[in-house]
Amino acid sequence: MKQSIRGKKHFSLIELLIVIAIVAILAGLLLPALNQAREKARNTACINNLKQLGFAFLQYAGDNSDMLPQADYYMEKGSFLLWTNALMGANPHAETGKE
């Protein structure tokens, strides 16, 4: 650090660039760890969603003589909708051309 005429201390350009480089290196080291944490959070959310679907099926079976939901539902003009596609938001009229 240099001291100016008035007695205040100032950083030189080299010192400032070194600090910026160190901060960039530390950020580069932390980013992979953050990405791993984000991926683990996604996996946990997915597992929780599967668990909730399992509970929903068990509750449905409990209310309907221990029968699970029908896998497909036939609609007008020979088209059908799988409940797995319905869960993922598929268009039920995609095969018939209706919107």
Protein backbone atom coordinates (compact mmCIF):
# COMPACT_ATOMS: atom_id res chain seq x y z
CA MET A 1 0.00 0.00 0.00
CA LYS A 2 1.17 3.43 -0.83
CA GLN A 3 0.62 6.46 1.31
CA SER A 4 -0.51 9.66 -0.36
CA ILE A 5 0.51 13.17 0.60
CA ARG A 6 -2.51 13.56 2.91
CA GLY A 7 -1.71 10.40 4.83
CA LYS A 8 -4.44 8.14 3.34
CA LYS A 9 -3.44 4.67 2.22
CA HIS A 10 -4.29 3.58 -1.34
CA PHE A 11 -4.02 0.21 -3.07
CA SER A 12 -1.74 0.04 -6.08
CA LEU A 13 -3.03 -1.42 -9.33
CA ILE A 14 -0.94 -4.57 -8.89
CA GLU A 15 -2.36 -5.22 -5.41
CA LEU A 16 -5.89 -4.74 -6.69
CA LEU A 17 -5.33 -7.15 -9.60
CA ILE A 18 -3.86 -9.76 -7.26
CA VAL A 19 -6.89 -9.56 -4.97
CA ILE A 20 -9.24 -9.91 -7.95
CA ALA A 21 -7.28 -12.93 -9.21
CA ILE A 22 -7.45 -14.62 -5.79
CA VAL A 23 -11.18 -14.03 -5.57
CA ALA A 24 -11.63 -15.48 -9.08
CA ILE A 25 -9.60 -18.58 -8.17
CA LEU A 26 -11.65 -19.15 -5.01
CA ALA A 27 -14.90 -18.73 -6.94
CA GLY A 28 -13.66 -21.24 -9.51
CA LEU A 29 -12.99 -23.74 -6.74
CA LEU A 30 -16.45 -23.27 -5.22
CA LEU A 31 -18.54 -23.60 -8.40
CA PRO A 32 -18.15 -27.41 -8.78
CA ALA A 33 -19.17 -27.89 -5.16
CA LEU A 34 -22.25 -25.72 -5.70
CA ASN A 35 -23.19 -27.67 -8.83
CA GLN A 36 -22.90 -30.95 -6.92
CA ALA A 37 -25.13 -29.60 -4.16
CA ARG A 38 -27.69 -28.44 -6.73
CA GLU A 39 -27.72 -31.88 -8.40
CA LYS A 40 -28.14 -33.60 -5.04
CA ALA A 41 -31.10 -31.32 -4.28
CA ARG A 42 -32.70 -32.25 -7.62
CA ASN A 43 -32.22 -35.95 -6.87
CA THR A 44 -33.79 -35.52 -3.44
CA ALA A 45 -36.80 -33.72 -4.94
CA CYS A 46 -37.22 -36.48 -7.53
CA ILE A 47 -37.09 -39.20 -4.88
CA ASN A 48 -39.66 -37.30 -2.82
CA ASN A 49 -41.97 -37.01 -5.83
CA LEU A 50 -41.73 -40.77 -6.45
CA LYS A 51 -42.50 -41.40 -2.78
CA GLN A 52 -45.58 -39.17 -2.98
CA LEU A 53 -46.78 -41.02 -6.10
CA GLY A 54 -46.37 -44.31 -4.27
CA PHE A 55 -48.43 -42.99 -1.35
CA ALA A 56 -51.11 -41.77 -3.78
CA PHE A 57 -51.34 -45.20 -5.42
CA LEU A 58 -51.59 -46.90 -2.04
CA GLN A 59 -54.35 -44.52 -0.97
CA TYR A 60 -56.20 -45.05 -4.26
CA ALA A 61 -55.92 -48.82 -3.85
CA GLY A 62 -57.17 -48.59 -0.28
CA ASP A 63 -60.27 -46.72 -1.44
CA ASN A 64 -60.92 -48.97 -4.46
CA SER A 65 -60.89 -52.63 -3.33
CA ASP A 66 -57.08 -52.88 -3.52
CA MET A 67 -57.07 -52.12 -7.27
CA LEU A 68 -54.52 -49.77 -8.80
CA PRO A 69 -55.52 -47.12 -11.37
CA GLN A 70 -56.23 -48.32 -14.88
CA ALA A 71 -53.18 -47.86 -17.10
CA ASP A 72 -55.05 -46.41 -20.09
CA TYR A 73 -58.33 -44.63 -20.71
CA TYR A 74 -60.02 -44.90 -24.08
CA MET A 75 -61.45 -41.68 -25.39
CA GLU A 76 -63.62 -40.85 -28.40
CA LYS A 77 -62.70 -42.15 -31.89
CA GLY A 78 -60.25 -44.77 -30.71
CA SER A 79 -57.71 -42.49 -29.04
CA PHE A 80 -56.45 -43.31 -25.58
CA LEU A 81 -54.61 -41.59 -22.76
CA LEU A 82 -52.06 -43.29 -20.52
CA TRP A 83 -52.11 -41.94 -16.97
CA THR A 84 -48.32 -41.79 -17.08
CA ASN A 85 -48.59 -39.37 -20.02
CA ALA A 86 -51.28 -37.41 -18.20
CA LEU A 87 -48.95 -36.97 -15.22
CA MET A 88 -46.29 -35.56 -17.54
CA GLY A 89 -48.76 -33.15 -19.17
CA ALA A 90 -49.16 -34.87 -22.54
CA ASN A 91 -51.92 -33.62 -24.81
CA PRO A 92 -54.83 -36.13 -24.59
CA HIS A 93 -56.05 -35.22 -28.09
CA ALA A 94 -52.67 -35.46 -29.84
CA GLU A 95 -53.59 -38.62 -31.78
CA THR A 96 -57.01 -37.40 -32.93
CA GLY A 97 -55.81 -34.03 -34.17
CA LYS A 98 -58.13 -32.07 -31.85
CA GLU A 99 -56.86 -29.29 -29.64
